[in-house]
Protein backbone atom coordinates (compact mmCIF):
# COMPACT_ATOMS: atom_id res chain seq x y z
CA MET A 1 143.97 85.32 108.09
CA LYS A 2 147.09 85.07 109.76
CA PRO A 3 147.70 81.22 110.98
CA PRO A 4 148.94 80.29 114.62
CA LYS A 5 152.71 79.37 114.63
CA ASN A 6 151.88 75.60 115.56
CA ALA A 7 149.64 75.14 112.60
CA GLY A 8 150.31 72.19 110.52
CA GLU A 9 150.79 72.38 106.86
CA LEU A 10 147.03 72.12 105.94
CA GLU A 11 145.63 74.03 108.88
CA ARG A 12 148.11 76.86 107.57
CA LYS A 13 146.83 76.58 104.21
CA LEU A 14 143.07 76.90 105.40
CA TRP A 15 143.88 80.00 107.64
CA LEU A 16 145.23 81.71 104.57
CA GLU A 17 142.17 80.94 102.47
CA ILE A 18 139.74 82.76 105.01
CA ASP A 19 138.83 86.18 104.43
CA LYS A 20 139.08 88.17 107.40
CA ASN A 21 136.22 90.51 106.47
CA ASN A 22 133.65 88.00 105.92
CA ILE A 23 133.62 86.22 109.10
CA PRO A 24 130.20 85.07 110.36
CA SER A 25 129.15 86.75 113.71
CA HIS A 26 127.40 83.65 115.09
CA VAL A 27 127.73 80.00 114.23
CA ALA A 28 125.41 77.26 115.92
CA ILE A 29 126.37 73.64 116.19
CA ILE A 30 124.38 70.58 116.38
CA MET A 31 127.05 68.46 117.93
CA ASP A 32 126.52 64.94 116.64
CA GLY A 33 128.19 61.46 116.49
CA ASN A 34 129.56 60.93 120.17
CA GLY A 35 127.70 57.70 120.30
CA ARG A 36 129.11 56.61 117.05
CA TRP A 37 132.64 57.65 117.36
CA ALA A 38 132.87 55.32 120.72
CA LYS A 39 131.13 52.73 118.88
CA LYS A 40 133.90 52.40 116.08
CA ARG A 41 136.35 52.71 118.72
CA GLY A 42 134.77 49.82 121.00
CA LEU A 43 134.28 52.35 123.61
CA SER A 44 131.20 53.08 125.72
CA ARG A 45 128.81 55.97 124.73
CA ILE A 46 130.10 57.95 128.00
CA LYS A 47 133.60 57.73 126.65
CA GLY A 48 132.14 59.18 123.61
CA HIS A 49 130.36 62.08 125.50
CA LYS A 50 133.86 62.74 127.15
CA ALA A 51 135.49 63.30 124.02
CA GLY A 52 132.74 65.49 122.66
CA VAL A 53 133.51 67.89 125.65
CA LYS A 54 136.90 68.08 124.36
CA ALA A 55 135.93 69.06 120.99
CA ILE A 56 133.79 72.03 122.65
CA GLU A 57 136.98 73.17 124.21
CA ASN A 58 138.85 73.14 121.03
CA ALA A 59 136.06 74.90 119.19
CA LEU A 60 135.98 77.67 121.55
CA ASP A 61 139.60 78.37 121.16
CA THR A 62 139.08 78.30 117.32
CA VAL A 63 136.14 80.55 117.16
CA LEU A 64 138.14 82.88 119.39
CA ASP A 65 140.90 82.95 117.02
CA LEU A 66 138.70 83.63 114.08
CA LYS A 67 137.03 86.52 115.94
CA ILE A 68 133.50 85.01 115.82
CA LYS A 69 131.41 86.77 118.34
CA VAL A 70 128.76 84.08 119.23
CA ILE A 71 128.89 80.35 119.12
CA THR A 72 125.74 78.15 120.26
CA VAL A 73 126.13 74.29 120.85
CA TYR A 74 123.17 72.12 121.09
CA ALA A 75 124.20 70.11 124.32
CA PHE A 76 120.80 68.71 125.39
CA SER A 77 117.35 68.65 123.79
CA THR A 78 113.97 68.33 125.20
CA GLU A 79 114.00 64.94 123.30
CA ASN A 80 116.98 63.80 125.02
CA TRP A 81 114.99 63.01 128.38
CA ILE A 82 114.00 59.59 126.83
CA ARG A 83 117.56 58.48 126.61
CA PRO A 84 118.53 55.92 129.31
CA LYS A 85 118.58 57.41 132.77
CA GLU A 86 122.25 56.43 133.45
CA GLU A 87 123.35 58.30 130.15
CA VAL A 88 121.04 61.48 131.24
CA SER A 89 122.93 61.41 134.59
CA VAL A 90 126.14 61.12 133.10
CA LEU A 91 125.55 64.02 130.73
CA MET A 92 124.22 66.32 133.38
CA THR A 93 127.63 65.29 135.49
CA LEU A 94 129.68 66.06 132.32
CA LEU A 95 127.85 69.44 132.17
CA PHE A 96 128.50 70.36 135.62
CA GLN A 97 132.16 69.09 135.44
CA PHE A 98 132.68 71.27 132.48
CA LEU A 99 131.35 74.42 133.94
CA LYS A 100 133.22 74.02 137.06
CA LEU A 101 136.69 73.22 135.17
CA GLN A 102 136.23 75.79 132.19
CA LYS A 103 134.96 78.62 134.75
CA LYS A 104 138.83 79.93 135.01
CA LYS A 105 139.35 79.53 131.11
CA LEU A 106 136.27 81.56 130.23
CA MET A 107 137.29 84.47 132.29
CA GLU A 108 140.96 84.20 131.17
CA LYS A 109 139.79 84.20 127.58
CA ASP A 110 136.88 87.01 128.02
CA ILE A 111 134.17 84.37 127.25
CA LYS A 112 130.33 84.94 128.30
CA LEU A 113 128.24 81.92 129.24
CA SER A 114 124.69 81.97 128.07
CA ILE A 115 122.08 79.52 128.16
CA ILE A 116 118.98 79.06 126.25
CA GLY A 117 116.12 76.47 127.14
CA ASP A 118 113.83 75.60 130.12
CA ARG A 119 116.32 75.09 132.98
CA SER A 120 113.37 74.03 135.23
CA ARG A 121 113.92 70.48 134.51
CA LEU A 122 117.89 70.39 135.04
CA PRO A 123 119.32 69.15 138.39
CA ASP A 124 119.71 71.57 140.99
CA PHE A 125 123.40 70.97 141.17
CA VAL A 126 123.90 72.01 137.49
CA ASN A 127 121.38 74.99 137.85
CA ARG A 128 123.70 76.16 140.83
CA GLU A 129 126.77 76.01 138.89
CA ILE A 130 125.23 77.46 135.74
CA ASP A 131 124.43 80.50 137.97
CA LYS A 132 127.79 80.92 139.26
CA VAL A 133 129.39 80.82 135.81
CA LEU A 134 126.59 83.43 134.39
CA GLU A 135 127.31 85.72 137.17
CA GLU A 136 131.09 85.56 136.93
CA THR A 137 131.27 86.03 133.42
CA LYS A 138 128.37 88.38 132.55
CA ASP A 139 130.90 91.22 131.61
CA ASN A 140 133.05 89.25 129.32
CA LYS A 141 132.83 90.72 125.66
CA SER A 142 135.08 88.72 123.56
CA LEU A 143 132.80 85.76 122.56
CA ILE A 144 129.27 84.89 123.75
CA PHE A 145 129.41 80.74 124.64
CA ASN A 146 125.53 79.99 124.35
CA ILE A 147 124.56 76.36 125.45
CA ALA A 148 121.24 75.23 124.67
CA LEU A 149 120.03 73.05 127.22
CA ASN A 150 116.43 71.39 127.52
CA TYR A 151 115.89 73.27 124.32
CA GLY A 152 113.68 72.63 121.46
CA GLY A 153 112.68 74.99 118.51
CA ARG A 154 108.82 74.15 118.63
CA ALA A 155 108.80 74.50 122.37
CA GLU A 156 110.78 77.79 122.25
CA ILE A 157 108.17 79.14 119.66
CA LEU A 158 105.12 78.01 121.64
CA LYS A 159 106.36 79.63 124.83
CA ALA A 160 106.70 83.14 122.91
CA VAL A 161 103.15 82.72 121.68
CA LYS A 162 101.99 82.03 125.11
CA ASP A 163 103.99 84.97 126.55
CA LEU A 164 102.73 87.56 124.02
CA ILE A 165 98.99 86.16 124.80
CA GLU A 166 99.67 86.49 128.30
CA GLU A 167 100.90 90.01 127.94
CA GLY A 168 97.54 90.82 126.11
CA VAL A 169 99.56 91.78 123.00
CA LYS A 170 97.03 92.32 120.19
CA PRO A 171 97.60 90.48 116.90
CA GLU A 172 98.05 93.36 114.59
CA GLU A 173 100.80 94.38 117.20
CA VAL A 174 102.87 91.41 116.30
CA ASP A 175 105.99 91.44 114.04
CA GLU A 176 108.92 89.63 113.63
CA ASN A 177 110.80 92.07 115.86
CA LEU A 178 108.43 91.92 118.63
CA PHE A 179 108.33 88.11 118.34
CA SER A 180 111.98 87.23 118.05
CA SER A 181 112.10 89.34 121.61
CA ARG A 182 110.18 86.80 123.35
CA LEU A 183 112.67 84.13 122.40
CA TYR A 184 115.35 82.69 124.44
CA THR A 185 117.74 84.37 121.82
CA LYS A 186 116.35 87.93 122.06
CA ASN A 187 119.63 89.29 122.85
CA ILE A 188 121.61 87.28 120.23
CA PRO A 189 121.84 87.86 116.51
CA ASP A 190 120.39 85.08 114.45
CA PRO A 191 123.17 82.25 113.05
CA ASP A 192 125.19 83.07 109.95
CA LEU A 193 126.07 79.44 109.92
CA LEU A 194 124.72 76.43 111.32
CA ILE A 195 127.22 73.05 111.31
CA ARG A 196 125.67 69.58 111.88
CA THR A 197 128.41 66.99 112.22
CA SER A 198 128.25 62.76 111.67
CA GLY A 199 126.57 63.12 108.14
CA GLU A 200 122.84 63.45 109.47
CA ILE A 201 121.24 66.20 107.05
CA ARG A 202 118.41 67.66 109.40
CA VAL A 203 118.19 70.37 111.73
CA SER A 204 116.44 68.20 114.63
CA ASN A 205 114.44 71.18 116.41
CA PHE A 206 117.11 73.35 116.90
CA LEU A 207 116.65 77.31 116.58
CA LEU A 208 113.79 76.70 114.08
CA TRP A 209 112.92 80.46 113.71
CA GLN A 210 116.55 81.77 114.05
CA ILE A 211 117.86 79.75 111.33
CA ALA A 212 115.57 80.88 108.47
CA TYR A 213 118.47 82.44 106.43
CA SER A 214 121.58 80.61 107.87
CA GLU A 215 123.75 78.91 105.91
CA LEU A 216 123.67 75.25 106.32
CA TYR A 217 126.98 72.96 106.66
CA PHE A 218 126.74 69.27 106.77
CA THR A 219 129.85 67.04 107.24
CA GLU A 220 130.28 63.32 107.75
CA VAL A 221 132.94 64.02 110.59
CA LEU A 222 131.71 62.89 114.00
CA TRP A 223 131.56 65.56 116.54
CA PRO A 224 134.57 64.38 118.70
CA ASP A 225 136.82 64.46 115.54
CA PHE A 226 135.56 67.96 114.84
CA ASP A 227 138.63 69.75 115.28
CA THR A 228 140.54 73.16 113.97
CA ILE A 229 140.88 71.99 110.62
CA GLU A 230 137.08 70.94 110.32
CA MET A 231 136.06 74.27 111.78
CA LEU A 232 138.23 75.91 109.17
CA LYS A 233 136.67 74.24 106.21
CA ALA A 234 133.30 75.03 107.33
CA ILE A 235 134.19 78.81 107.47
CA VAL A 236 135.87 78.47 103.97
CA GLU A 237 132.60 76.83 102.39
CA TYR A 238 130.67 79.55 104.20
CA GLN A 239 132.66 82.16 102.59
CA LYS A 240 132.07 80.92 99.05
CA ARG A 241 128.38 81.26 99.19
CA GLU A 242 126.32 84.20 98.21
CA ARG A 243 124.05 85.24 101.05
CA ARG A 244 120.60 86.81 99.59
CA PHE A 245 118.34 86.63 102.60
CA GLY A 246 115.20 85.86 100.13
CA GLY A 247 116.36 88.54 97.63
CA THR A 248 116.99 88.37 93.73
CA GLY A 249 119.48 86.20 92.24
CA GLY A 250 118.19 82.48 92.75
CA VAL A 251 116.40 80.43 89.85
């Protein structure tokens, strides 16, 4: 692909390696390492989360340049409520500020906001801002920006099962397509690529159903340092792999 004019030498090299005909449609990211990034610099965890927000902004620009259609970021899990109240409060405020400040950019860049997870536990001021941005960006088409909030893969699967039971669906009528239609991601294709930063090698209850055949990419880089070069490295690695979706070719 053609590199941007302001790209440095390494970035230009990576752009030129990328096959524009083999770009993942959907990239999901477990954004891990904000706290460790801050600790390494003698900063508060809050400063780390603020740096992580900047990395999200950069990721949006990069995936737009790559012409990726969907990006899903794991922003707040069902387990994150056990963190100190002050940290949770700061995370909610940062989310509110991010949405408020990014609204104009989302419109200018034709980005549609989408949310997955149980929003009932989020603060009212956050939900009100989410509703505003959802409404304003609903017709945008260049990129779906999917944020997982109060999200857990097991909870999502249980919710889908309960919904099917409540609807009176017979067991013999349930297949993968019907089940998928009851998930939060019912209108979004499954991720082609799952990225996790910070060196942890696990999926942490994220999109458990949807990543059945995703390519997994783990990097030691902490999320606030995950810049355009790191995203391009992930895409280059993705393009080296042969996707079989459970078919022949393996050992």
